[in-house]
Amino acid sequence: MSKEELEAAHCWEAGDRVPRKPAMTEFRQSVRYHQARWREAHGHPIGTQPIVPQPGRAVRMVGSRIPLDYARETGANFLTANALEAARSRISFIEPHQSVDHQGLWADLLSSTAMAFNLFGDVAADQQLAEGAVGTWWPDAPGTVWDVHFAHSPGRLDAAYIGSLVAFDAVFELDVGDGSRGIIAIDTKYHERLKREIAKPARLPRYREVHERSGAFHPDTVAALDRSELLVMWLEHLLLLSMLQHPSGAWSWGRYVVVHPAGNADCAEAVARYRSMLRDTSTFASVTVEELLDADALPAPTTAALRERYLPG
């Protein structure tokens, strides 16, 4: 769409431009515009930048947001009663050292955290549905679904894991049947572009230890992962691997899964690059939002609502 169309919908954002990547720029602009149209079609009021206006500060309308007070009252960012209940339940308690963007969760229609609740809220509420969904999406996963978590880490800043603040957007914990558990740890991406990140030097020795002990990576790949667009993906995968290495022996099987729309070329490219660094891919996977929905593992009304909400065209 044109700049004029984006401006008319309050969707012209300089941050959506990705230098030297016109397809990614177009994707980011199109999903923002799509969220604005979805908001209008469902009668939700327009939000602002900043999300909570401050006296004396400039405020502008943003088509892909809704007002925070309205969002909290109505739960409009969530597509099903189960997704809303899962979100309210999750924010009712605090995991140690957690960092959750509460404003974005409720008021930003582009929030990937909110998308995780929308994708997996129904399965979190229904054991039988969860069993069927996991069996459809990851048929080699062992055992039965024991629990579903959101915005979860087994231990932020805990050196027994990787000593960082990273967390998973959603987690399926599995009862393997031998007293241990399996885990499917999910990272959801929607509108995000990937940016070069740098690991904290003090934490690199622990990252390297988990990396090398796992046997999952080709030799000499640490340097290529640090200071790259793949850093966050690597750290989340390392968190999963550290659970499998934990001295408690609590987890005996695990997989880290990246979920993204097919149109997010940054994510698709990053997943391919990351996979090329693995000599054992059994603990890593990716799936598009389209593939999840095409599998018909969710109730038909939920699938239809997710398609309307997140997939332009």
Protein backbone atom coordinates (compact mmCIF):
# COMPACT_ATOMS: atom_id res chain seq x y z
CA MET A 1 0.00 0.00 0.00
CA SER A 2 1.04 3.60 -0.46
CA LYS A 3 2.44 6.02 2.10
CA GLU A 4 -0.82 7.95 1.85
CA GLU A 5 -2.87 4.86 2.75
CA LEU A 6 -0.60 4.10 5.69
CA GLU A 7 -0.75 7.67 6.93
CA ALA A 8 -4.54 7.72 6.64
CA ALA A 9 -4.70 4.61 8.86
CA HIS A 10 -2.12 6.06 11.28
CA CYS A 11 0.26 3.28 10.27
CA TRP A 12 3.19 5.17 8.75
CA GLU A 13 6.04 4.31 11.13
CA ALA A 14 9.67 5.02 10.28
CA GLY A 15 10.71 2.00 12.35
CA ASP A 16 8.96 -0.35 9.93
CA ARG A 17 11.57 0.39 7.29
CA VAL A 18 14.31 -2.26 7.07
CA PRO A 19 17.33 -0.93 5.16
CA ARG A 20 18.14 -2.88 2.01
CA LYS A 21 15.26 -5.28 2.63
CA PRO A 22 12.22 -4.00 0.71
CA ALA A 23 10.28 -7.24 1.16
CA MET A 24 10.69 -7.07 4.92
CA THR A 25 9.70 -3.39 4.94
CA GLU A 26 6.58 -4.25 2.95
CA PHE A 27 5.73 -7.10 5.32
CA ARG A 28 6.07 -4.94 8.43
CA GLN A 29 3.97 -2.16 6.93
CA SER A 30 1.32 -4.59 5.67
CA VAL A 31 0.79 -6.39 8.98
CA ARG A 32 0.61 -3.09 10.86
CA TYR A 33 -2.00 -1.84 8.36
CA HIS A 34 -3.81 -5.17 8.63
CA GLN A 35 -4.03 -4.84 12.42
CA ALA A 36 -5.43 -1.33 12.06
CA ARG A 37 -8.09 -2.57 9.65
CA TRP A 38 -8.89 -5.48 11.99
CA ARG A 39 -9.29 -3.03 14.88
CA GLU A 40 -11.62 -0.83 12.87
CA ALA A 41 -13.67 -3.80 11.63
CA HIS A 42 -14.24 -4.95 15.20
CA GLY A 43 -15.12 -1.50 16.51
CA HIS A 44 -12.16 -1.00 18.81
CA PRO A 45 -10.90 2.56 19.46
CA ILE A 46 -7.48 3.67 18.27
CA GLY A 47 -4.48 3.75 20.62
CA THR A 48 -1.52 6.07 20.89
CA GLN A 49 2.22 6.53 21.12
CA PRO A 50 3.08 6.47 23.95
CA ILE A 51 0.61 3.76 24.94
CA VAL A 52 -0.16 5.74 28.12
CA PRO A 53 -0.21 9.47 27.27
CA GLN A 54 1.69 11.67 29.70
CA PRO A 55 0.76 15.28 30.52
CA GLY A 56 2.90 17.73 28.59
CA ARG A 57 4.20 15.10 26.16
CA ALA A 58 3.34 14.89 22.49
CA VAL A 59 0.86 12.13 21.64
CA ARG A 60 0.04 10.67 18.25
CA MET A 61 -2.48 8.06 17.17
CA VAL A 62 -1.25 4.59 16.17
CA GLY A 63 -3.65 2.46 14.15
CA SER A 64 -2.21 -0.85 15.37
CA ARG A 65 -2.88 -0.08 19.03
CA ILE A 66 -5.88 0.23 21.31
CA PRO A 67 -6.14 2.38 24.47
CA LEU A 68 -4.66 0.60 27.48
CA ASP A 69 -7.58 1.09 29.89
CA TYR A 70 -10.03 -0.12 27.23
CA ALA A 71 -7.75 -3.05 26.41
CA ARG A 72 -7.51 -4.18 30.04
CA GLU A 73 -11.24 -3.84 30.56
CA THR A 74 -12.33 -5.65 27.40
CA GLY A 75 -9.41 -7.99 26.67
CA ALA A 76 -9.77 -6.96 23.03
CA ASN A 77 -6.22 -8.07 22.12
CA PHE A 78 -7.21 -11.68 22.82
CA LEU A 79 -9.32 -13.69 20.41
CA THR A 80 -10.91 -16.29 22.67
CA ALA A 81 -12.09 -16.47 26.24
CA ASN A 82 -9.40 -19.09 26.88
CA ALA A 83 -6.63 -16.85 25.55
CA LEU A 84 -7.85 -13.97 27.72
CA GLU A 85 -8.09 -16.19 30.78
CA ALA A 86 -4.57 -17.53 30.15
CA ALA A 87 -3.22 -13.96 29.89
CA ARG A 88 -4.98 -12.81 33.06
CA SER A 89 -3.82 -15.91 34.90
CA ARG A 90 -0.23 -15.40 33.80
CA ILE A 91 0.00 -11.78 34.90
CA SER A 92 -1.53 -12.63 38.27
CA PHE A 93 1.83 -13.97 39.46
CA ILE A 94 5.46 -12.99 38.96
CA GLU A 95 8.27 -15.38 38.13
CA PRO A 96 11.59 -14.33 39.71
CA HIS A 97 13.33 -11.59 37.70
CA GLN A 98 10.68 -11.69 34.97
CA SER A 99 10.32 -8.86 32.48
CA VAL A 100 6.95 -8.70 30.73
CA ASP A 101 5.77 -5.77 28.62
CA HIS A 102 2.35 -5.46 30.24
CA GLN A 103 1.33 -2.42 28.21
CA GLY A 104 2.23 -4.05 24.93
CA LEU A 105 0.55 -7.32 25.91
CA TRP A 106 -2.80 -5.59 26.35
CA ALA A 107 -2.69 -2.66 23.93
CA ASP A 108 -0.31 -3.47 21.04
CA LEU A 109 -2.05 -5.48 18.34
CA LEU A 110 1.37 -6.44 16.91
CA SER A 111 2.50 -8.05 20.19
CA SER A 112 4.04 -11.47 19.64
CA THR A 113 3.46 -12.26 23.31
CA ALA A 114 -0.27 -11.70 22.82
CA MET A 115 -0.10 -13.85 19.68
CA ALA A 116 1.30 -16.72 21.77
CA PHE A 117 -1.73 -16.56 24.08
CA ASN A 118 -4.03 -16.41 21.06
CA LEU A 119 -2.35 -19.39 19.38
CA PHE A 120 -2.15 -21.62 22.44
CA GLY A 121 -4.79 -20.33 24.87
CA ASP A 122 -7.37 -22.93 23.87
CA VAL A 123 -4.97 -25.84 24.26
CA ALA A 124 -3.85 -24.53 27.66
CA ALA A 125 -7.47 -24.80 28.82
CA ASP A 126 -8.26 -28.26 27.44
CA GLN A 127 -6.10 -31.31 28.17
CA GLN A 128 -7.63 -33.41 25.40
CA LEU A 129 -7.22 -30.61 22.86
CA ALA A 130 -3.63 -30.11 23.99
CA GLU A 131 -2.87 -33.80 23.50
CA GLY A 132 -4.29 -33.73 20.00
CA ALA A 133 -2.54 -30.51 19.06
CA VAL A 134 0.91 -31.62 20.24
CA GLY A 135 0.43 -34.98 18.54
CA THR A 136 -0.46 -33.21 15.30
CA TRP A 137 2.19 -30.50 15.39
CA TRP A 138 5.07 -32.56 16.86
CA PRO A 139 4.14 -36.24 16.41
CA ASP A 140 7.50 -37.49 17.71
CA ALA A 141 7.10 -35.72 21.07
CA PRO A 142 7.03 -38.34 23.85
CA GLY A 143 4.49 -38.76 26.63
CA THR A 144 1.44 -36.70 27.43
CA VAL A 145 0.88 -32.98 28.02
CA TRP A 146 1.31 -32.23 31.71
CA ASP A 147 1.04 -28.42 31.69
CA VAL A 148 1.21 -25.32 29.48
CA HIS A 149 3.06 -22.17 30.54
CA PHE A 150 3.36 -18.69 29.05
CA ALA A 151 6.19 -16.13 29.32
CA HIS A 152 8.14 -18.77 31.21
CA SER A 153 11.70 -19.50 32.23
CA PRO A 154 12.80 -22.28 34.60
CA GLY A 155 15.23 -19.84 36.20
CA ARG A 156 16.13 -16.31 35.08
CA LEU A 157 19.66 -15.28 36.11
CA ASP A 158 20.17 -18.82 37.44
CA ALA A 159 23.63 -20.12 36.56
CA ALA A 160 22.34 -23.68 36.74
CA TYR A 161 20.64 -22.81 33.45
CA ILE A 162 22.36 -20.06 31.44
CA GLY A 163 22.23 -17.16 33.91
CA SER A 164 20.33 -14.83 31.57
CA LEU A 165 16.92 -13.18 31.48
CA VAL A 166 15.64 -14.91 28.35
CA ALA A 167 12.32 -16.75 28.53
CA PHE A 168 10.00 -18.70 26.25
CA ASP A 169 6.70 -17.30 24.98
CA ALA A 170 4.95 -20.63 25.52
CA VAL A 171 5.96 -24.00 26.93
CA PHE A 172 4.37 -27.43 26.69
CA GLU A 173 5.58 -29.62 29.53
CA LEU A 174 5.22 -33.34 28.86
CA ASP A 175 4.98 -36.29 31.23
CA VAL A 176 7.36 -38.77 29.60
CA GLY A 177 6.27 -41.60 31.89
CA ASP A 178 9.56 -42.43 33.58
CA GLY A 179 9.49 -39.69 36.20
CA SER A 180 11.13 -37.12 33.94
CA ARG A 181 9.57 -34.50 31.71
CA GLY A 182 9.81 -33.38 28.15
CA ILE A 183 9.51 -29.78 27.03
CA ILE A 184 8.48 -28.00 23.84
CA ALA A 185 9.70 -24.42 24.27
CA ILE A 186 8.22 -21.91 21.83
CA ASP A 187 9.34 -18.49 20.65
CA THR A 188 6.71 -16.56 18.68
CA LYS A 189 7.59 -13.83 16.19
CA TYR A 190 5.15 -11.67 14.25
CA HIS A 191 6.08 -8.15 13.17
CA GLU A 192 9.66 -8.26 14.49
CA ARG A 193 12.74 -7.74 12.43
CA LEU A 194 15.96 -9.32 13.64
CA LYS A 195 18.74 -7.08 14.87
CA ARG A 196 22.37 -7.72 15.66
CA GLU A 197 22.84 -8.34 19.38
CA ILE A 198 25.90 -8.81 21.59
CA ALA A 199 26.07 -11.27 24.48
CA LYS A 200 27.23 -10.04 27.87
CA PRO A 201 30.92 -11.04 28.03
CA ALA A 202 30.61 -12.28 31.62
CA ARG A 203 28.00 -14.82 30.55
CA LEU A 204 29.80 -16.15 27.49
CA PRO A 205 31.74 -18.87 29.34
CA ARG A 206 28.48 -20.43 30.54
CA TYR A 207 26.91 -20.09 27.11
CA ARG A 208 29.93 -21.78 25.56
CA GLU A 209 29.81 -24.57 28.14
CA VAL A 210 26.16 -25.42 27.39
CA HIS A 211 26.75 -24.99 23.66
CA GLU A 212 29.68 -27.41 23.52
CA ARG A 213 28.30 -29.93 25.98
CA SER A 214 25.09 -30.28 23.97
CA GLY A 215 26.84 -31.67 20.90
CA ALA A 216 24.15 -29.98 18.82
CA PHE A 217 26.38 -27.50 16.98
CA HIS A 218 29.07 -27.70 14.38
CA PRO A 219 32.52 -26.83 15.79
CA ASP A 220 33.59 -23.20 16.07
CA THR A 221 30.12 -21.69 15.76
CA VAL A 222 30.03 -19.63 18.97
CA ALA A 223 31.72 -16.64 17.35
CA ALA A 224 29.26 -16.68 14.45
CA LEU A 225 26.27 -16.71 16.82
CA ASP A 226 27.47 -14.05 19.24
CA ARG A 227 27.30 -10.49 17.89
CA SER A 228 24.77 -11.53 15.25
CA GLU A 229 21.05 -11.41 14.45
CA LEU A 230 20.89 -15.01 15.70
CA LEU A 231 21.93 -14.26 19.27
CA VAL A 232 18.49 -14.31 20.91
CA MET A 233 17.54 -17.49 19.05
CA TRP A 234 20.78 -19.06 20.24
CA LEU A 235 20.23 -18.03 23.87
CA GLU A 236 16.70 -19.39 23.91
CA HIS A 237 17.90 -22.65 22.41
CA LEU A 238 20.70 -22.74 24.99
CA LEU A 239 18.13 -22.27 27.75
CA LEU A 240 16.32 -25.35 26.48
CA LEU A 241 19.60 -27.27 26.22
CA SER A 242 20.58 -26.23 29.75
CA MET A 243 17.34 -27.76 31.02
CA LEU A 244 18.31 -31.05 29.39
CA GLN A 245 21.72 -30.76 31.05
CA HIS A 246 20.37 -29.77 34.48
CA PRO A 247 21.88 -31.80 37.34
CA SER A 248 18.41 -32.64 38.65
CA GLY A 249 17.73 -34.78 35.58
CA ALA A 250 14.19 -33.35 35.55
CA TRP A 251 14.03 -33.08 31.75
CA SER A 252 14.90 -35.95 29.44
CA TRP A 253 13.59 -34.67 26.09
CA GLY A 254 13.22 -31.20 24.63
CA ARG A 255 12.77 -29.10 21.54
CA TYR A 256 13.00 -25.35 20.93
CA VAL A 257 10.53 -24.17 18.26
CA VAL A 258 10.43 -20.81 16.46
CA VAL A 259 6.95 -19.83 15.22
CA HIS A 260 6.62 -17.02 12.66
CA PRO A 261 4.44 -15.94 9.73
CA ALA A 262 5.63 -17.17 6.35
CA GLY A 263 5.88 -13.57 5.18
CA ASN A 264 8.44 -12.60 7.82
CA ALA A 265 11.51 -13.05 5.64
CA ASP A 266 13.88 -12.05 8.42
CA CYS A 267 12.69 -14.94 10.59
CA ALA A 268 12.69 -17.43 7.72
CA GLU A 269 16.24 -16.46 6.76
CA ALA A 270 17.44 -16.54 10.37
CA VAL A 271 15.95 -19.98 10.97
CA ALA A 272 17.71 -21.32 7.86
CA ARG A 273 21.03 -19.78 8.91
CA TYR A 274 20.69 -21.10 12.43
CA ARG A 275 19.81 -24.60 11.28
CA SER A 276 22.93 -24.65 9.10
CA MET A 277 25.02 -24.33 12.27
CA LEU A 278 23.52 -27.46 13.82
CA ARG A 279 24.91 -30.93 13.31
CA ASP A 280 22.04 -32.37 15.40
CA THR A 281 18.68 -30.73 14.72
CA SER A 282 16.62 -32.90 17.06
CA THR A 283 16.27 -30.11 19.66
CA PHE A 284 15.44 -27.34 17.17
CA ALA A 285 12.51 -26.75 14.84
CA SER A 286 10.55 -23.98 13.19
CA VAL A 287 6.99 -23.75 11.93
CA THR A 288 5.00 -21.00 10.28
CA VAL A 289 1.76 -19.69 11.70
CA GLU A 290 0.15 -20.84 8.46
CA GLU A 291 1.40 -24.40 8.98
CA LEU A 292 0.11 -24.50 12.54
CA LEU A 293 -3.34 -23.39 11.40
CA ASP A 294 -3.40 -25.61 8.30
CA ALA A 295 -2.96 -28.66 10.54
CA ASP A 296 -6.52 -28.16 11.90
CA ALA A 297 -5.42 -28.91 15.46
CA LEU A 298 -7.40 -26.02 16.94
CA PRO A 299 -11.18 -25.48 17.07
CA ALA A 300 -12.46 -24.18 13.75
CA PRO A 301 -13.71 -20.83 15.16
CA THR A 302 -10.31 -20.20 16.77
CA THR A 303 -8.48 -21.06 13.54
CA ALA A 304 -10.74 -18.71 11.58
CA ALA A 305 -10.21 -15.90 14.09
CA LEU A 306 -6.43 -16.38 14.00
CA ARG A 307 -6.36 -16.29 10.21
CA GLU A 308 -8.46 -13.13 10.13
CA ARG A 309 -6.32 -11.49 12.79
CA TYR A 310 -2.77 -12.37 11.81
CA LEU A 311 -2.62 -13.33 8.13
CA PRO A 312 -3.22 -10.50 5.65
CA GLY A 313 -4.91 -11.66 2.50
